[in-house]
Amino acid sequence: MDGEELTEQETALYDRQIRVWGANAQRRLTKSHILVSGIKGTVAEFCKNIVLAGVGSVTLMDDRLVTEEALNANFLIPPDENAYRGKTVAEICCDSLWDFNPMVLVSVVKGDLSTFGAGFFEKFDVVVIGYGSRATKKAVNEQCRKLSKRVAFYTVDCRDSCGEIFVDLQDYKYTKKKLEETVECELHFPSFQEAISVPWKLVPRRTAKLYFAMRVIEVFEESEGRKHGECSVLDLATVLEVKKKLCEANSVSESHIPDSLLERLISGTIEFPPACAIVGGILAQEVIKAVSGKGDPVKNYFYYDAQDGKGVMEDISNSFTS
């Protein structure tokens, strides 16, 4: 991503943020290529933020046809049915994002993300999966890790007024300010598979309940053959049975995961726009840090719950097993 200098037009347009993070960081942003899959409310907020920040290109993937359900929390889709009839979510969001910043190339790719090989992902510096299945997250993360270049990998999921971000930057070097000095740092990130495979009994008890609850929902949807979000309060009994089995297998108490939290997650199929704005904003901030190489990144989970207004970072890694 270390290429040409900023053009005069880019310098003028991004003047304010250049003053915040510097011309070199902005140059890296303008040369970066971002792949985004699954565009619901939180991802729409993320896309808006990175387009305004001035990344080089954003490639969108979401083959769902626009429906009234897709309108929920996604401000990139105009409410006029005539404007979106017959178009996919990615296509209509592409049109809207171009209006935010015409200097960013926004395009659409169709297909099932999990079927693409490593060569497809080599074109990108960042891959973001929104609202994906556990199998898709694992498959894409594995493909990204096969590449000789480092591709920053993120997943984001919002259910009800709760949000989760997962981060895999592999072996990541960056700089940060410490007092008056700039110091170089290095972090090692586990893969998605490694992070979700950590035995629960080794995870500190203070860890956010959302980490465990999200794993239960993922396993439920996968075992039942459901797509993301295809669940309701009618599934609560089955979800609680999945929780019981996972807790027994991991030798932890079922109190690790409150039943009330699981009920919220499977009942709240409609996203909460304020939570989308916060989680989408955090995700954009993390991508900007990863591309620019400046500032401490989230390692490796971030959770937000609008019910208590708290956001927490959790480091869930196989270091617990060593």
C-alpha atoms as a PDB file:
ATOM      1  CA  MET A   1       0.000   0.000   0.000  1.00  0.00           C
ATOM      2  CA  ASP A   2       3.051   2.247  -0.060  1.00  0.00           C
ATOM      3  CA  GLY A   3       2.588   3.854  -3.439  1.00  0.00           C
ATOM      4  CA  GLU A   4       2.155   7.285  -4.954  1.00  0.00           C
ATOM      5  CA  GLU A   5       1.846  10.497  -3.006  1.00  0.00           C
ATOM      6  CA  LEU A   6      -1.538  12.077  -2.381  1.00  0.00           C
ATOM      7  CA  THR A   7      -2.860  14.161  -5.246  1.00  0.00           C
ATOM      8  CA  GLU A   8      -3.614  17.838  -4.754  1.00  0.00           C
ATOM      9  CA  GLN A   9      -7.332  17.042  -4.849  1.00  0.00           C
ATOM     10  CA  GLU A  10      -6.987  14.305  -2.213  1.00  0.00           C
ATOM     11  CA  THR A  11      -4.926  16.564   0.033  1.00  0.00           C
ATOM     12  CA  ALA A  12      -7.573  19.269  -0.147  1.00  0.00           C
ATOM     13  CA  LEU A  13     -10.505  16.878   0.418  1.00  0.00           C
ATOM     14  CA  TYR A  14      -8.933  15.010   3.346  1.00  0.00           C
ATOM     15  CA  ASP A  15      -7.213  18.010   4.918  1.00  0.00           C
ATOM     16  CA  ARG A  16      -8.900  17.708   8.331  1.00  0.00           C
ATOM     17  CA  GLN A  17      -8.141  14.033   8.858  1.00  0.00           C
ATOM     18  CA  ILE A  18      -4.583  14.451   7.562  1.00  0.00           C
ATOM     19  CA  ARG A  19      -4.117  16.836  10.472  1.00  0.00           C
ATOM     20  CA  VAL A  20      -5.299  14.085  12.831  1.00  0.00           C
ATOM     21  CA  TRP A  21      -3.410  11.018  11.594  1.00  0.00           C
ATOM     22  CA  GLY A  22      -0.886  12.435   9.118  1.00  0.00           C
ATOM     23  CA  ALA A  23      -0.319  12.379   5.363  1.00  0.00           C
ATOM     24  CA  ASN A  24       1.392   8.969   5.376  1.00  0.00           C
ATOM     25  CA  ALA A  25      -1.600   7.296   7.065  1.00  0.00           C
ATOM     26  CA  GLN A  26      -3.988   8.990   4.629  1.00  0.00           C
ATOM     27  CA  ARG A  27      -1.865   7.852   1.693  1.00  0.00           C
ATOM     28  CA  ARG A  28      -2.137   4.251   2.901  1.00  0.00           C
ATOM     29  CA  LEU A  29      -5.891   4.633   3.215  1.00  0.00           C
ATOM     30  CA  THR A  30      -6.293   5.958  -0.327  1.00  0.00           C
ATOM     31  CA  LYS A  31      -4.365   2.956  -1.678  1.00  0.00           C
ATOM     32  CA  SER A  32      -6.312   0.356   0.326  1.00  0.00           C
ATOM     33  CA  HIS A  33      -8.921  -2.029  -1.080  1.00  0.00           C
ATOM     34  CA  ILE A  34     -11.761  -3.239   1.159  1.00  0.00           C
ATOM     35  CA  LEU A  35     -14.106  -6.212   0.585  1.00  0.00           C
ATOM     36  CA  VAL A  36     -17.415  -6.081   2.453  1.00  0.00           C
ATOM     37  CA  SER A  37     -19.997  -8.877   2.558  1.00  0.00           C
ATOM     38  CA  GLY A  38     -23.467  -8.720   4.130  1.00  0.00           C
ATOM     39  CA  ILE A  39     -24.828  -5.183   4.212  1.00  0.00           C
ATOM     40  CA  LYS A  40     -27.311  -4.660   6.996  1.00  0.00           C
ATOM     41  CA  GLY A  41     -27.517  -1.729   9.419  1.00  0.00           C
ATOM     42  CA  THR A  42     -24.143  -1.997  11.161  1.00  0.00           C
ATOM     43  CA  VAL A  43     -22.248  -2.714   7.952  1.00  0.00           C
ATOM     44  CA  ALA A  44     -23.990   0.215   6.231  1.00  0.00           C
ATOM     45  CA  GLU A  45     -22.654   2.498   8.979  1.00  0.00           C
ATOM     46  CA  PHE A  46     -19.181   0.990   8.552  1.00  0.00           C
ATOM     47  CA  CYS A  47     -19.212   1.469   4.770  1.00  0.00           C
ATOM     48  CA  LYS A  48     -20.296   5.096   5.076  1.00  0.00           C
ATOM     49  CA  ASN A  49     -17.470   5.815   7.522  1.00  0.00           C
ATOM     50  CA  ILE A  50     -14.653   4.250   5.490  1.00  0.00           C
ATOM     51  CA  VAL A  51     -15.865   5.854   2.264  1.00  0.00           C
ATOM     52  CA  LEU A  52     -15.847   9.254   3.953  1.00  0.00           C
ATOM     53  CA  ALA A  53     -12.373   8.478   5.338  1.00  0.00           C
ATOM     54  CA  GLY A  54     -11.139   8.043   1.777  1.00  0.00           C
ATOM     55  CA  VAL A  55     -10.132   4.420   1.215  1.00  0.00           C
ATOM     56  CA  GLY A  56      -9.116   3.505  -2.329  1.00  0.00           C
ATOM     57  CA  SER A  57     -11.946   1.127  -3.148  1.00  0.00           C
ATOM     58  CA  VAL A  58     -14.834  -0.747  -1.547  1.00  0.00           C
ATOM     59  CA  THR A  59     -16.192  -3.949  -3.111  1.00  0.00           C
ATOM     60  CA  LEU A  60     -19.667  -4.959  -1.936  1.00  0.00           C
ATOM     61  CA  MET A  61     -21.222  -8.433  -1.825  1.00  0.00           C
ATOM     62  CA  ASP A  62     -24.880  -8.966  -0.935  1.00  0.00           C
ATOM     63  CA  ASP A  63     -27.084 -10.699  -3.487  1.00  0.00           C
ATOM     64  CA  ARG A  64     -30.323 -10.338  -1.515  1.00  0.00           C
ATOM     65  CA  LEU A  65     -33.028  -8.467  -3.374  1.00  0.00           C
ATOM     66  CA  VAL A  66     -34.064  -5.297  -1.573  1.00  0.00           C
ATOM     67  CA  THR A  67     -37.225  -5.851   0.446  1.00  0.00           C
ATOM     68  CA  GLU A  68     -38.972  -3.907   3.190  1.00  0.00           C
ATOM     69  CA  GLU A  69     -37.125  -6.079   5.724  1.00  0.00           C
ATOM     70  CA  ALA A  70     -33.780  -5.012   4.213  1.00  0.00           C
ATOM     71  CA  LEU A  71     -34.715  -1.365   4.767  1.00  0.00           C
ATOM     72  CA  ASN A  72     -34.460  -1.787   8.521  1.00  0.00           C
ATOM     73  CA  ALA A  73     -31.558   0.292   9.910  1.00  0.00           C
ATOM     74  CA  ASN A  74     -29.907   0.440   6.450  1.00  0.00           C
ATOM     75  CA  PHE A  75     -30.003   4.128   5.539  1.00  0.00           C
ATOM     76  CA  LEU A  76     -28.144   3.416   2.270  1.00  0.00           C
ATOM     77  CA  ILE A  77     -31.373   2.023   0.787  1.00  0.00           C
ATOM     78  CA  PRO A  78     -33.802   4.775  -0.287  1.00  0.00           C
ATOM     79  CA  PRO A  79     -37.383   4.293   0.975  1.00  0.00           C
ATOM     80  CA  ASP A  80     -38.813   4.753  -2.541  1.00  0.00           C
ATOM     81  CA  GLU A  81     -39.721   1.296  -3.873  1.00  0.00           C
ATOM     82  CA  ASN A  82     -39.265   2.486  -7.453  1.00  0.00           C
ATOM     83  CA  ALA A  83     -35.612   3.243  -6.687  1.00  0.00           C
ATOM     84  CA  TYR A  84     -34.745  -0.246  -5.480  1.00  0.00           C
ATOM     85  CA  ARG A  85     -37.214  -2.571  -7.243  1.00  0.00           C
ATOM     86  CA  GLY A  86     -35.346  -5.478  -8.835  1.00  0.00           C
ATOM     87  CA  LYS A  87     -31.967  -4.447  -7.427  1.00  0.00           C
ATOM     88  CA  THR A  88     -29.807  -6.303  -4.962  1.00  0.00           C
ATOM     89  CA  VAL A  89     -28.806  -4.793  -1.640  1.00  0.00           C
ATOM     90  CA  ALA A  90     -25.200  -4.447  -2.840  1.00  0.00           C
ATOM     91  CA  GLU A  91     -26.227  -2.658  -6.034  1.00  0.00           C
ATOM     92  CA  ILE A  92     -28.426  -0.056  -4.347  1.00  0.00           C
ATOM     93  CA  CYS A  93     -25.864   0.509  -1.540  1.00  0.00           C
ATOM     94  CA  CYS A  94     -23.165   0.967  -4.172  1.00  0.00           C
ATOM     95  CA  ASP A  95     -25.114   3.833  -5.742  1.00  0.00           C
ATOM     96  CA  SER A  96     -25.665   5.504  -2.366  1.00  0.00           C
ATOM     97  CA  LEU A  97     -22.032   5.216  -1.228  1.00  0.00           C
ATOM     98  CA  TRP A  98     -20.751   6.865  -4.386  1.00  0.00           C
ATOM     99  CA  ASP A  99     -22.725   9.973  -3.417  1.00  0.00           C
ATOM    100  CA  PHE A 100     -20.831  10.178  -0.107  1.00  0.00           C
ATOM    101  CA  ASN A 101     -17.423  10.364  -1.776  1.00  0.00           C
ATOM    102  CA  PRO A 102     -17.049  10.116  -5.579  1.00  0.00           C
ATOM    103  CA  MET A 103     -13.261   9.740  -5.175  1.00  0.00           C
ATOM    104  CA  VAL A 104     -13.708   6.238  -3.740  1.00  0.00           C
ATOM    105  CA  LEU A 105     -14.280   3.429  -6.247  1.00  0.00           C
ATOM    106  CA  VAL A 106     -17.310   1.414  -5.093  1.00  0.00           C
ATOM    107  CA  SER A 107     -18.196  -1.764  -7.008  1.00  0.00           C
ATOM    108  CA  VAL A 108     -20.275  -4.932  -6.688  1.00  0.00           C
ATOM    109  CA  VAL A 109     -19.300  -8.610  -6.964  1.00  0.00           C
ATOM    110  CA  LYS A 110     -21.923 -11.363  -7.013  1.00  0.00           C
ATOM    111  CA  GLY A 111     -21.631 -14.888  -5.681  1.00  0.00           C
ATOM    112  CA  ASP A 112     -21.292 -16.987  -2.535  1.00  0.00           C
ATOM    113  CA  LEU A 113     -18.338 -15.653  -0.557  1.00  0.00           C
ATOM    114  CA  SER A 114     -17.496 -19.062   0.909  1.00  0.00           C
ATOM    115  CA  THR A 115     -16.872 -20.552  -2.565  1.00  0.00           C
ATOM    116  CA  PHE A 116     -14.131 -18.100  -3.598  1.00  0.00           C
ATOM    117  CA  GLY A 117     -10.512 -19.243  -3.529  1.00  0.00           C
ATOM    118  CA  ALA A 118      -7.528 -17.503  -1.975  1.00  0.00           C
ATOM    119  CA  GLY A 119      -6.682 -15.760  -5.256  1.00  0.00           C
ATOM    120  CA  PHE A 120      -9.880 -13.721  -5.076  1.00  0.00           C
ATOM    121  CA  PHE A 121      -9.030 -12.338  -1.626  1.00  0.00           C
ATOM    122  CA  GLU A 122      -5.474 -11.439  -2.648  1.00  0.00           C
ATOM    123  CA  LYS A 123      -6.827  -8.315  -4.357  1.00  0.00           C
ATOM    124  CA  PHE A 124      -7.864  -6.856  -1.007  1.00  0.00           C
ATOM    125  CA  ASP A 125      -6.144  -5.421   2.045  1.00  0.00           C
ATOM    126  CA  VAL A 126      -9.170  -5.844   4.331  1.00  0.00           C
ATOM    127  CA  VAL A 127     -12.038  -8.367   4.326  1.00  0.00           C
ATOM    128  CA  VAL A 128     -15.157  -7.692   6.395  1.00  0.00           C
ATOM    129  CA  ILE A 129     -17.913 -10.292   6.809  1.00  0.00           C
ATOM    130  CA  GLY A 130     -21.197  -9.037   8.180  1.00  0.00           C
ATOM    131  CA  TYR A 131     -23.852 -11.403   9.515  1.00  0.00           C
ATOM    132  CA  GLY A 132     -22.151 -14.517   8.157  1.00  0.00           C
ATOM    133  CA  SER A 133     -22.513 -18.131   9.215  1.00  0.00           C
ATOM    134  CA  ARG A 134     -19.848 -19.752  11.336  1.00  0.00           C
ATOM    135  CA  ALA A 135     -18.824 -21.937   8.369  1.00  0.00           C
ATOM    136  CA  THR A 136     -18.411 -18.925   6.064  1.00  0.00           C
ATOM    137  CA  LYS A 137     -16.327 -17.031   8.612  1.00  0.00           C
ATOM    138  CA  LYS A 138     -14.018 -20.005   9.083  1.00  0.00           C
ATOM    139  CA  ALA A 139     -13.670 -20.707   5.356  1.00  0.00           C
ATOM    140  CA  VAL A 140     -12.897 -17.117   4.361  1.00  0.00           C
ATOM    141  CA  ASN A 141     -10.496 -16.587   7.262  1.00  0.00           C
ATOM    142  CA  GLU A 142      -8.605 -19.721   6.236  1.00  0.00           C
ATOM    143  CA  GLN A 143      -8.362 -18.483   2.630  1.00  0.00           C
ATOM    144  CA  CYS A 144      -7.031 -15.105   3.767  1.00  0.00           C
ATOM    145  CA  ARG A 145      -4.399 -16.788   5.916  1.00  0.00           C
ATOM    146  CA  LYS A 146      -3.103 -18.824   2.944  1.00  0.00           C
ATOM    147  CA  LEU A 147      -1.919 -15.681   1.191  1.00  0.00           C
ATOM    148  CA  SER A 148       1.671 -14.442   1.214  1.00  0.00           C
ATOM    149  CA  LYS A 149       0.415 -10.914   1.984  1.00  0.00           C
ATOM    150  CA  ARG A 150      -1.356 -10.037   5.226  1.00  0.00           C
ATOM    151  CA  VAL A 151      -5.074  -9.451   4.775  1.00  0.00           C
ATOM    152  CA  ALA A 152      -6.834  -7.904   7.766  1.00  0.00           C
ATOM    153  CA  PHE A 153      -9.941  -9.992   8.526  1.00  0.00           C
ATOM    154  CA  TYR A 154     -13.025  -8.845  10.461  1.00  0.00           C
ATOM    155  CA  THR A 155     -16.457 -10.212  11.236  1.00  0.00           C
ATOM    156  CA  VAL A 156     -19.331  -8.176  12.656  1.00  0.00           C
ATOM    157  CA  ASP A 157     -22.667  -9.323  13.997  1.00  0.00           C
ATOM    158  CA  CYS A 158     -25.517  -7.354  15.561  1.00  0.00           C
ATOM    159  CA  ARG A 159     -28.534  -8.994  17.151  1.00  0.00           C
ATOM    160  CA  ASP A 160     -31.164  -6.958  18.987  1.00  0.00           C
ATOM    161  CA  SER A 161     -29.148  -4.120  20.590  1.00  0.00           C
ATOM    162  CA  CYS A 162     -25.982  -6.199  20.994  1.00  0.00           C
ATOM    163  CA  GLY A 163     -22.943  -6.228  18.739  1.00  0.00           C
ATOM    164  CA  GLU A 164     -19.811  -8.335  18.258  1.00  0.00           C
ATOM    165  CA  ILE A 165     -16.656  -7.620  16.245  1.00  0.00           C
ATOM    166  CA  PHE A 166     -13.953 -10.239  15.660  1.00  0.00           C
ATOM    167  CA  VAL A 167     -10.471  -9.203  14.485  1.00  0.00           C
ATOM    168  CA  ASP A 168      -7.660 -11.251  12.912  1.00  0.00           C
ATOM    169  CA  LEU A 169      -4.613  -9.210  11.873  1.00  0.00           C
ATOM    170  CA  GLN A 170      -2.311 -12.276  11.966  1.00  0.00           C
ATOM    171  CA  ASP A 171       1.199 -11.037  12.866  1.00  0.00           C
ATOM    172  CA  TYR A 172       0.677  -7.298  13.085  1.00  0.00           C
ATOM    173  CA  LYS A 173       3.259  -4.544  13.528  1.00  0.00           C
ATOM    174  CA  TYR A 174       2.201  -0.996  14.291  1.00  0.00           C
ATOM    175  CA  THR A 175       3.251   2.213  16.019  1.00  0.00           C
ATOM    176  CA  LYS A 176       1.681   4.158  18.861  1.00  0.00           C
ATOM    177  CA  LYS A 177       2.404   7.213  20.937  1.00  0.00           C
ATOM    178  CA  LYS A 178       3.817   6.623  24.428  1.00  0.00           C
ATOM    179  CA  LEU A 179       4.360   9.836  26.300  1.00  0.00           C
ATOM    180  CA  GLU A 180       6.355  11.930  23.819  1.00  0.00           C
ATOM    181  CA  GLU A 181       7.791   8.972  21.911  1.00  0.00           C
ATOM    182  CA  THR A 182       6.549   6.845  19.024  1.00  0.00           C
ATOM    183  CA  VAL A 183       7.105   3.178  19.828  1.00  0.00           C
ATOM    184  CA  GLU A 184       6.882   0.110  17.588  1.00  0.00           C
ATOM    185  CA  CYS A 185       4.670  -2.770  18.732  1.00  0.00           C
ATOM    186  CA  GLU A 186       3.834  -6.264  17.514  1.00  0.00           C
ATOM    187  CA  LEU A 187       0.848  -8.514  18.223  1.00  0.00           C
ATOM    188  CA  HIS A 188      -0.013 -12.071  17.209  1.00  0.00           C
ATOM    189  CA  PHE A 189      -3.691 -12.746  16.476  1.00  0.00           C
ATOM    190  CA  PRO A 190      -5.337 -16.179  16.482  1.00  0.00           C
ATOM    191  CA  SER A 191      -7.474 -17.302  13.541  1.00  0.00           C
ATOM    192  CA  PHE A 192     -11.258 -17.369  13.818  1.00  0.00           C
ATOM    193  CA  GLN A 193     -11.172 -21.154  14.259  1.00  0.00           C
ATOM    194  CA  GLU A 194      -8.555 -20.910  17.010  1.00  0.00           C
ATOM    195  CA  ALA A 195     -10.500 -18.189  18.830  1.00  0.00           C
ATOM    196  CA  ILE A 196     -13.807 -20.073  18.923  1.00  0.00           C
ATOM    197  CA  SER A 197     -12.058 -23.336  19.853  1.00  0.00           C
ATOM    198  CA  VAL A 198     -10.593 -22.084  23.139  1.00  0.00           C
ATOM    199  CA  PRO A 199     -12.072 -24.271  25.930  1.00  0.00           C
ATOM    200  CA  TRP A 200     -14.539 -22.193  27.932  1.00  0.00           C
ATOM    201  CA  LYS A 201     -13.185 -23.391  31.266  1.00  0.00           C
ATOM    202  CA  LEU A 202      -9.913 -21.620  30.404  1.00  0.00           C
ATOM    203  CA  VAL A 203     -11.582 -18.313  29.543  1.00  0.00           C
ATOM    204  CA  PRO A 204     -11.613 -15.855  32.492  1.00  0.00           C
ATOM    205  CA  ARG A 205     -15.001 -15.769  34.203  1.00  0.00           C
ATOM    206  CA  ARG A 206     -15.166 -11.954  33.904  1.00  0.00           C
ATOM    207  CA  THR A 207     -15.317 -12.341  30.083  1.00  0.00           C
ATOM    208  CA  ALA A 208     -18.375 -10.748  28.452  1.00  0.00           C
ATOM    209  CA  LYS A 209     -21.399 -13.044  28.501  1.00  0.00           C
ATOM    210  CA  LEU A 210     -21.986 -12.067  24.876  1.00  0.00           C
ATOM    211  CA  TYR A 211     -18.923 -14.054  23.793  1.00  0.00           C
ATOM    212  CA  PHE A 212     -20.468 -17.307  25.033  1.00  0.00           C
ATOM    213  CA  ALA A 213     -24.015 -16.390  23.947  1.00  0.00           C
ATOM    214  CA  MET A 214     -22.917 -15.637  20.372  1.00  0.00           C
ATOM    215  CA  ARG A 215     -21.189 -19.028  20.171  1.00  0.00           C
ATOM    216  CA  VAL A 216     -24.390 -20.758  21.290  1.00  0.00           C
ATOM    217  CA  ILE A 217     -26.438 -18.970  18.617  1.00  0.00           C
ATOM    218  CA  GLU A 218     -23.852 -19.819  15.928  1.00  0.00           C
ATOM    219  CA  VAL A 219     -23.907 -23.504  16.844  1.00  0.00           C
ATOM    220  CA  PHE A 220     -27.717 -23.508  16.951  1.00  0.00           C
ATOM    221  CA  GLU A 221     -28.046 -21.941  13.483  1.00  0.00           C
ATOM    222  CA  GLU A 222     -25.431 -24.261  12.022  1.00  0.00           C
ATOM    223  CA  SER A 223     -26.901 -27.440  13.527  1.00  0.00           C
ATOM    224  CA  GLU A 224     -30.426 -26.486  12.457  1.00  0.00           C
ATOM    225  CA  GLY A 225     -29.373 -25.454   8.949  1.00  0.00           C
ATOM    226  CA  ARG A 226     -30.572 -21.887   9.509  1.00  0.00           C
ATOM    227  CA  LYS A 227     -29.246 -18.748   7.852  1.00  0.00           C
ATOM    228  CA  HIS A 228     -28.062 -15.897  10.066  1.00  0.00           C
ATOM    229  CA  GLY A 229     -30.973 -14.431  11.998  1.00  0.00           C
ATOM    230  CA  GLU A 230     -33.440 -17.185  11.057  1.00  0.00           C
ATOM    231  CA  CYS A 231     -34.578 -17.756  14.604  1.00  0.00           C
ATOM    232  CA  SER A 232     -37.275 -16.550  16.966  1.00  0.00           C
ATOM    233  CA  VAL A 233     -38.450 -16.919  20.535  1.00  0.00           C
ATOM    234  CA  LEU A 234     -40.143 -20.153  19.418  1.00  0.00           C
ATOM    235  CA  ASP A 235     -36.635 -21.649  19.169  1.00  0.00           C
ATOM    236  CA  LEU A 236     -35.714 -20.795  22.754  1.00  0.00           C
ATOM    237  CA  ALA A 237     -36.123 -24.324  24.094  1.00  0.00           C
ATOM    238  CA  THR A 238     -33.783 -25.729  21.436  1.00  0.00           C
ATOM    239  CA  VAL A 239     -31.285 -22.914  21.954  1.00  0.00           C
ATOM    240  CA  LEU A 240     -31.238 -23.611  25.701  1.00  0.00           C
ATOM    241  CA  GLU A 241     -30.601 -27.280  24.969  1.00  0.00           C
ATOM    242  CA  VAL A 242     -27.631 -26.284  22.782  1.00  0.00           C
ATOM    243  CA  LYS A 243     -26.372 -24.097  25.631  1.00  0.00           C
ATOM    244  CA  LYS A 244     -26.646 -26.978  28.078  1.00  0.00           C
ATOM    245  CA  LYS A 245     -24.656 -29.316  25.803  1.00  0.00           C
ATOM    246  CA  LEU A 246     -21.929 -26.731  25.159  1.00  0.00           C
ATOM    247  CA  CYS A 247     -21.577 -25.929  28.859  1.00  0.00           C
ATOM    248  CA  GLU A 248     -21.342 -29.614  29.729  1.00  0.00           C
ATOM    249  CA  ALA A 249     -18.770 -30.205  26.976  1.00  0.00           C
ATOM    250  CA  ASN A 250     -16.696 -27.273  28.232  1.00  0.00           C
ATOM    251  CA  SER A 251     -17.100 -28.165  31.926  1.00  0.00           C
ATOM    252  CA  VAL A 252     -18.584 -24.795  32.884  1.00  0.00           C
ATOM    253  CA  SER A 253     -21.754 -23.803  34.690  1.00  0.00           C
ATOM    254  CA  GLU A 254     -24.821 -22.912  32.627  1.00  0.00           C
ATOM    255  CA  SER A 255     -24.916 -19.656  34.612  1.00  0.00           C
ATOM    256  CA  HIS A 256     -22.104 -18.494  32.301  1.00  0.00           C
ATOM    257  CA  ILE A 257     -24.832 -17.632  29.788  1.00  0.00           C
ATOM    258  CA  PRO A 258     -28.061 -16.066  31.100  1.00  0.00           C
ATOM    259  CA  ASP A 259     -31.215 -17.465  29.487  1.00  0.00           C
ATOM    260  CA  SER A 260     -32.560 -13.921  29.268  1.00  0.00           C
ATOM    261  CA  LEU A 261     -29.612 -12.869  27.079  1.00  0.00           C
ATOM    262  CA  LEU A 262     -30.150 -15.753  24.677  1.00  0.00           C
ATOM    263  CA  GLU A 263     -33.837 -14.896  24.491  1.00  0.00           C
ATOM    264  CA  ARG A 264     -32.962 -11.298  23.579  1.00  0.00           C
ATOM    265  CA  LEU A 265     -30.571 -12.415  20.839  1.00  0.00           C
ATOM    266  CA  ILE A 266     -33.005 -14.759  19.110  1.00  0.00           C
ATOM    267  CA  SER A 267     -36.047 -12.510  19.565  1.00  0.00           C
ATOM    268  CA  GLY A 268     -34.468  -9.263  18.406  1.00  0.00           C
ATOM    269  CA  THR A 269     -34.342  -9.894  14.672  1.00  0.00           C
ATOM    270  CA  ILE A 270     -34.740  -6.150  13.995  1.00  0.00           C
ATOM    271  CA  GLU A 271     -31.523  -4.187  14.450  1.00  0.00           C
ATOM    272  CA  PHE A 272     -31.362  -1.261  16.853  1.00  0.00           C
ATOM    273  CA  PRO A 273     -30.083   1.724  14.806  1.00  0.00           C
ATOM    274  CA  PRO A 274     -28.168   3.447  17.658  1.00  0.00           C
ATOM    275  CA  ALA A 275     -26.281   0.199  18.315  1.00  0.00           C
ATOM    276  CA  CYS A 276     -25.577  -0.112  14.578  1.00  0.00           C
ATOM    277  CA  ALA A 277     -24.065   3.380  14.545  1.00  0.00           C
ATOM    278  CA  ILE A 278     -21.790   2.639  17.512  1.00  0.00           C
ATOM    279  CA  VAL A 279     -20.599  -0.809  16.416  1.00  0.00           C
ATOM    280  CA  GLY A 280     -20.231   0.294  12.795  1.00  0.00           C
ATOM    281  CA  GLY A 281     -18.215   3.293  13.939  1.00  0.00           C
ATOM    282  CA  ILE A 282     -15.913   1.146  16.075  1.00  0.00           C
ATOM    283  CA  LEU A 283     -15.382  -1.268  13.182  1.00  0.00           C
ATOM    284  CA  ALA A 284     -14.471   1.575  10.815  1.00  0.00           C
ATOM    285  CA  GLN A 285     -12.053   2.961  13.399  1.00  0.00           C
ATOM    286  CA  GLU A 286     -10.371  -0.441  13.708  1.00  0.00           C
ATOM    287  CA  VAL A 287     -10.011  -0.860   9.944  1.00  0.00           C
ATOM    288  CA  ILE A 288      -8.513   2.620   9.630  1.00  0.00           C
ATOM    289  CA  LYS A 289      -6.009   1.778  12.388  1.00  0.00           C
ATOM    290  CA  ALA A 290      -5.072  -1.514  10.712  1.00  0.00           C
ATOM    291  CA  VAL A 291      -4.566   0.075   7.296  1.00  0.00           C
ATOM    292  CA  SER A 292      -2.628   3.071   8.621  1.00  0.00           C
ATOM    293  CA  GLY A 293      -0.572   1.009  11.084  1.00  0.00           C
ATOM    294  CA  LYS A 294      -1.240   3.520  13.855  1.00  0.00           C
ATOM    295  CA  GLY A 295      -2.785   2.926  17.269  1.00  0.00           C
ATOM    296  CA  ASP A 296      -3.572  -0.101  19.427  1.00  0.00           C
ATOM    297  CA  PRO A 297      -6.012  -2.436  17.646  1.00  0.00           C
ATOM    298  CA  VAL A 298      -8.791  -4.441  19.280  1.00  0.00           C
ATOM    299  CA  LYS A 299      -7.448  -7.893  20.133  1.00  0.00           C
ATOM    300  CA  ASN A 300      -9.437  -9.802  19.247  1.00  0.00           C
ATOM    301  CA  TYR A 301     -13.140  -9.290  20.164  1.00  0.00           C
ATOM    302  CA  PHE A 302     -15.216  -6.187  20.837  1.00  0.00           C
ATOM    303  CA  TYR A 303     -18.681  -6.328  22.418  1.00  0.00           C
ATOM    304  CA  TYR A 304     -21.351  -3.679  22.837  1.00  0.00           C
ATOM    305  CA  ASP A 305     -24.690  -3.913  24.612  1.00  0.00           C
ATOM    306  CA  ALA A 306     -26.978  -0.892  24.356  1.00  0.00           C
ATOM    307  CA  GLN A 307     -28.895  -2.090  27.420  1.00  0.00           C
ATOM    308  CA  ASP A 308     -26.049  -1.028  29.712  1.00  0.00           C
ATOM    309  CA  GLY A 309     -24.238   1.209  27.214  1.00  0.00           C
ATOM    310  CA  LYS A 310     -20.917  -0.556  27.729  1.00  0.00           C
ATOM    311  CA  GLY A 311     -18.339  -1.564  25.147  1.00  0.00           C
ATOM    312  CA  VAL A 312     -15.656  -4.073  26.128  1.00  0.00           C
ATOM    313  CA  MET A 313     -12.637  -5.676  24.462  1.00  0.00           C
ATOM    314  CA  GLU A 314     -11.874  -9.335  25.062  1.00  0.00           C
ATOM    315  CA  ASP A 315      -8.657 -11.172  24.180  1.00  0.00           C
ATOM    316  CA  ILE A 316      -9.758 -14.748  23.474  1.00  0.00           C
ATOM    317  CA  SER A 317      -6.768 -16.687  22.247  1.00  0.00           C
ATOM    318  CA  ASN A 318      -5.029 -20.028  22.459  1.00  0.00           C
ATOM    319  CA  SER A 319      -2.552 -18.424  24.871  1.00  0.00           C
ATOM    320  CA  PHE A 320      -4.979 -19.637  27.544  1.00  0.00           C
ATOM    321  CA  THR A 321      -3.987 -23.198  26.664  1.00  0.00           C
ATOM    322  CA  SER A 322      -0.211 -22.683  26.868  1.00  0.00           C
END
